[in-house]
Structure formats: C-alpha cells, structure tokens
Amino acid sequence: MPRAGLTPAVVAEEAARLSDEEGFDSLSLAAVAKRLGVATPSLYKHVDGLAGLRREVALLGVNGIGEEVQRAAVGRSGPDALRATADAYRRYAHAHPGRYAALQQLPLLAGAGIELTTDPVQVLAAVLRGFGITEDQTVHAIRALRSALHGFVDLETRGGFGLPEDVDRSYALLVEGFVRAFQEWPGTAPGAAAAHEDTRKR
C-alpha cells in the first residue's frame, strides 16, 4: 500500500538512508519510490527530480555533520576542541557514508543561498579562534584541516590502508599534527601558542 503522510522531509530522509546503505551514487527516484511504496511519479510532488533529491541528501549530510561537530566542541577550546571535533567528523563519516559522500558535492548541487541549521565550517572557524588564528588566516587553516580529515576518511572507507598498524592511532597522530601546526600557524595571535602549550602539559 502507498505510504501515508508522504512529505518532502520523509522523502529526503528515506533517500539519505538509502544512500547510507547502498551508496550515494546508487541513489535514484525509482529506488526511493520503491522503498516508500509509491509510484515514481508521485515523488515529483515532493522533490525536484533526481537533482533535487541529491541536493536534499547533501543538505541532510552537511547539517548532520555540523550538528555532530558542534556538540563535540561544546565546553571545549583549543586542542581539546580540535581533537573532539575531528573525532566527531570521522564518526559521522563512518555512520553515514552516503550522506557524507553527498555533502562533499553540496557546492555543486545547491549553489548559492543555501540555508544550513549548523554550518560545520563555522564550527571549525570557532575552534580555530581558540588557537588565536587571525581572521585572515582562518580560511587557509580550515582548508588544510578539511583536506587532511577528508583525505584520511576517504582512504579509510575505501579500504586504502592495508598495513597492519592501528588506523585509530594514525588518525590521532594526524590530528595531533594539526594541534601543533595551529599553535604555530602564521598570523597566530601573540602568546596564544604558548598558552595552549601550557594547557596541554597540565
């Protein structure tokens, strides 16, 4: 029987679950319609075709990871906040691989004017302020961090780490490398790095 109470949100959530289970590249209107027990044309009342469906999954992904890293950052600052948000980032990518893959394409899928409930980039910017990184350096620092975290997670989820050494340890060392890098980042406010070093030693 057709599923009652079909809404754009219900369609988007089902598409996101399908993406997590079978991969974002496998997402199709027909597959989502089958899971919802409706005819494919019925979905056009709730989503703007496949492109719209992919966009909604990407938005769920970016808001979801934003909420995770924000929760991780609450009550923390400096190195502790960076470690917690990096761990939250990785956990989300493992728990929601389809949404994670989708959010990487959000700039292409959504364009300008998108509305986010929690912007993960702004959360990272707040974390970096705790290191004393100046505003003119924030974008560069965020790009470096995102590139490293995404590169690691992408390789990990694709089975790219074949050697026996502990992957969790490798990730922790990657994050610690950024802790040290941000303490000495160009443009860091005077005294900020020393303050964070004192905190780390306590």
Protein backbone atom coordinates (compact mmCIF):
# COMPACT_ATOMS: atom_id res chain seq x y z
CA MET A 1 0.00 0.00 0.00
CA PRO A 2 1.15 3.58 -0.59
CA ARG A 3 2.81 5.10 2.41
CA ALA A 4 0.64 7.64 4.22
CA GLY A 5 1.92 11.05 5.23
CA LEU A 6 4.47 11.42 2.45
CA THR A 7 6.26 14.79 2.70
CA PRO A 8 9.46 16.30 1.28
CA ALA A 9 11.18 15.61 4.60
CA VAL A 10 10.12 11.95 4.59
CA VAL A 11 11.34 11.53 1.02
CA ALA A 12 14.68 13.16 1.82
CA GLU A 13 15.22 11.03 4.92
CA GLU A 14 14.46 7.83 3.02
CA ALA A 15 16.82 8.89 0.24
CA ALA A 16 19.52 9.54 2.85
CA ARG A 17 19.03 6.12 4.42
CA LEU A 18 19.22 4.51 1.01
CA SER A 19 22.42 6.42 0.26
CA ASP A 20 23.98 5.28 3.54
CA GLU A 21 23.07 1.66 2.86
CA GLU A 22 23.82 1.38 -0.86
CA GLY A 23 25.99 4.39 -1.70
CA PHE A 24 25.19 7.90 -2.86
CA ASP A 25 25.98 7.01 -6.46
CA SER A 26 23.22 4.37 -6.34
CA LEU A 27 20.55 6.90 -5.40
CA SER A 28 17.60 7.01 -7.81
CA LEU A 29 13.99 8.17 -7.75
CA ALA A 30 12.81 4.65 -8.58
CA ALA A 31 14.70 3.10 -5.67
CA VAL A 32 13.34 5.66 -3.20
CA ALA A 33 9.80 5.27 -4.53
CA LYS A 34 10.01 1.50 -4.12
CA ARG A 35 11.10 1.80 -0.51
CA LEU A 36 8.29 4.24 0.19
CA GLY A 37 5.70 2.10 -1.57
CA VAL A 38 4.67 4.72 -4.11
CA ALA A 39 4.92 5.16 -7.86
CA THR A 40 7.97 7.09 -9.03
CA PRO A 41 5.94 10.00 -10.49
CA SER A 42 4.46 10.59 -7.01
CA LEU A 43 7.84 11.80 -5.79
CA TYR A 44 7.79 14.79 -8.12
CA LYS A 45 5.18 16.35 -5.82
CA HIS A 46 7.79 16.41 -3.07
CA VAL A 47 11.20 16.77 -4.72
CA ASP A 48 12.61 18.46 -7.81
CA GLY A 49 13.66 15.32 -9.66
CA LEU A 50 16.87 13.40 -9.07
CA ALA A 51 18.95 16.57 -8.84
CA GLY A 52 16.65 17.87 -6.11
CA LEU A 53 16.77 14.55 -4.30
CA ARG A 54 20.57 14.52 -4.33
CA ARG A 55 20.61 18.11 -3.10
CA GLU A 56 18.34 17.26 -0.16
CA VAL A 57 20.56 14.34 0.85
CA ALA A 58 23.59 16.63 0.68
CA LEU A 59 21.84 19.18 2.90
CA LEU A 60 20.96 16.48 5.42
CA GLY A 61 24.59 15.45 5.38
CA VAL A 62 26.10 18.86 5.91
CA ASN A 63 23.60 19.75 8.65
CA GLY A 64 24.11 16.36 10.28
CA ILE A 65 27.87 16.59 10.42
CA GLY A 66 27.58 20.21 11.51
CA GLU A 67 25.45 19.22 14.48
CA GLU A 68 27.86 16.42 15.41
CA VAL A 69 30.97 18.59 15.41
CA GLN A 70 29.14 21.37 17.23
CA ARG A 71 28.09 19.01 20.02
CA ALA A 72 31.65 17.77 20.25
CA ALA A 73 33.02 21.30 20.57
CA VAL A 74 30.66 22.44 23.34
CA GLY A 75 32.54 23.14 26.56
CA ARG A 76 35.94 22.68 24.93
CA SER A 77 38.51 25.01 23.43
CA GLY A 78 41.87 24.91 21.72
CA PRO A 79 43.47 21.45 21.33
CA ASP A 80 40.68 19.63 23.18
CA ALA A 81 38.06 21.14 20.89
CA LEU A 82 40.04 20.24 17.80
CA ARG A 83 40.51 16.63 18.91
CA ALA A 84 36.83 16.26 19.77
CA THR A 85 35.53 17.78 16.54
CA ALA A 86 37.96 15.75 14.42
CA ASP A 87 36.76 12.56 16.12
CA ALA A 88 33.12 13.58 15.58
CA TYR A 89 33.83 14.27 11.90
CA ARG A 90 35.24 10.78 11.42
CA ARG A 91 32.44 9.10 13.36
CA TYR A 92 29.81 10.80 11.22
CA ALA A 93 31.53 9.75 8.01
CA HIS A 94 31.55 6.12 9.20
CA ALA A 95 27.96 6.18 10.46
CA HIS A 96 26.51 7.93 7.39
CA PRO A 97 28.73 7.17 4.39
CA GLY A 98 26.11 8.11 1.80
CA ARG A 99 25.30 11.45 3.38
CA TYR A 100 29.00 12.10 3.86
CA ALA A 101 29.66 11.46 0.17
CA ALA A 102 26.74 13.72 -0.73
CA LEU A 103 27.86 16.66 1.38
CA GLN A 104 31.18 16.78 -0.48
CA GLN A 105 29.18 17.73 -3.58
CA LEU A 106 26.97 20.31 -1.87
CA PRO A 107 28.53 23.41 -3.51
CA LEU A 108 27.77 21.95 -6.94
CA LEU A 109 24.35 20.60 -6.02
CA ALA A 110 22.95 23.52 -4.04
CA GLY A 111 24.60 26.66 -5.38
CA ALA A 112 24.34 29.95 -3.54
CA GLY A 113 21.81 30.86 -0.90
CA ILE A 114 21.55 27.50 0.88
CA GLU A 115 20.32 27.52 4.46
CA LEU A 116 22.16 25.39 7.00
CA THR A 117 20.93 24.65 10.51
CA THR A 118 24.52 24.16 11.65
CA ASP A 119 27.41 25.04 9.36
CA PRO A 120 30.40 22.75 10.08
CA VAL A 121 32.79 25.29 8.58
CA GLN A 122 31.65 27.90 11.09
CA VAL A 123 32.13 25.40 13.91
CA LEU A 124 35.69 24.78 12.75
CA ALA A 125 36.26 28.53 12.49
CA ALA A 126 35.20 28.89 16.12
CA VAL A 127 37.57 26.09 17.13
CA LEU A 128 40.44 27.80 15.33
CA ARG A 129 39.74 31.07 17.11
CA GLY A 130 40.64 29.19 20.27
CA PHE A 131 44.15 28.84 18.86
CA GLY A 132 44.41 32.58 18.26
CA ILE A 133 44.45 32.18 14.48
CA THR A 134 43.64 35.51 12.92
CA GLU A 135 40.66 36.06 10.64
CA ASP A 136 42.74 36.48 7.50
CA GLN A 137 44.29 33.05 8.07
CA THR A 138 41.13 31.17 9.06
CA VAL A 139 40.05 30.08 5.57
CA HIS A 140 43.52 28.73 4.80
CA ALA A 141 43.64 26.82 8.07
CA ILE A 142 40.17 25.34 7.58
CA ARG A 143 41.01 24.25 4.04
CA ALA A 144 44.13 22.49 5.26
CA LEU A 145 42.29 20.74 8.07
CA ARG A 146 39.32 19.66 5.95
CA SER A 147 41.61 18.35 3.22
CA ALA A 148 43.52 16.22 5.72
CA LEU A 149 40.48 14.86 7.56
CA HIS A 150 38.56 14.13 4.38
CA GLY A 151 41.58 12.54 2.72
CA PHE A 152 42.10 10.22 5.67
CA VAL A 153 38.43 9.26 5.97
CA ASP A 154 38.07 8.75 2.24
CA LEU A 155 41.08 6.45 2.07
CA GLU A 156 39.91 4.60 5.17
CA THR A 157 36.37 3.97 3.95
CA ARG A 158 37.66 2.83 0.56
CA GLY A 159 39.99 0.30 2.17
CA GLY A 160 43.09 2.26 1.27
CA PHE A 161 45.04 1.43 4.43
CA GLY A 162 46.36 -2.10 4.02
CA LEU A 163 49.23 -2.16 6.51
CA PRO A 164 48.65 -3.68 9.98
CA GLU A 165 49.41 -0.58 12.06
CA ASP A 166 46.46 0.74 14.05
CA VAL A 167 44.37 3.15 11.94
CA ASP A 168 42.90 4.87 15.01
CA ARG A 169 46.43 5.68 16.14
CA SER A 170 47.28 7.07 12.72
CA TYR A 171 44.25 9.34 12.83
CA ALA A 172 45.10 10.54 16.34
CA LEU A 173 48.62 11.40 15.19
CA LEU A 174 47.23 13.29 12.20
CA VAL A 175 45.06 15.39 14.50
CA GLU A 176 47.96 15.98 16.91
CA GLY A 177 49.99 17.21 13.97
CA PHE A 178 47.34 19.85 13.33
CA VAL A 179 47.22 20.77 17.02
CA ARG A 180 50.89 21.63 16.83
CA ALA A 181 50.57 23.27 13.43
CA PHE A 182 47.77 25.55 14.59
CA GLN A 183 49.71 26.54 17.68
CA GLU A 184 52.39 27.92 15.37
CA TRP A 185 50.21 28.94 12.42
CA PRO A 186 51.26 32.12 10.59
CA GLY A 187 49.32 35.05 11.97
CA THR A 188 48.55 33.39 15.30
CA ALA A 189 47.87 35.98 17.98
CA PRO A 190 50.94 36.63 20.17
CA GLY A 191 51.08 34.36 23.19
CA ALA A 192 48.28 32.06 22.05
CA ALA A 193 50.55 29.13 21.16
CA ALA A 194 52.37 29.32 24.50
CA ALA A 195 49.09 29.43 26.39
CA HIS A 196 47.84 26.32 24.62
CA GLU A 197 51.13 24.53 25.21
CA ASP A 198 50.82 25.24 28.94
CA THR A 199 47.27 23.88 28.90
CA ARG A 200 48.36 20.71 27.08
CA LYS A 201 51.05 19.99 29.69
CA ARG A 202 48.68 20.21 32.64
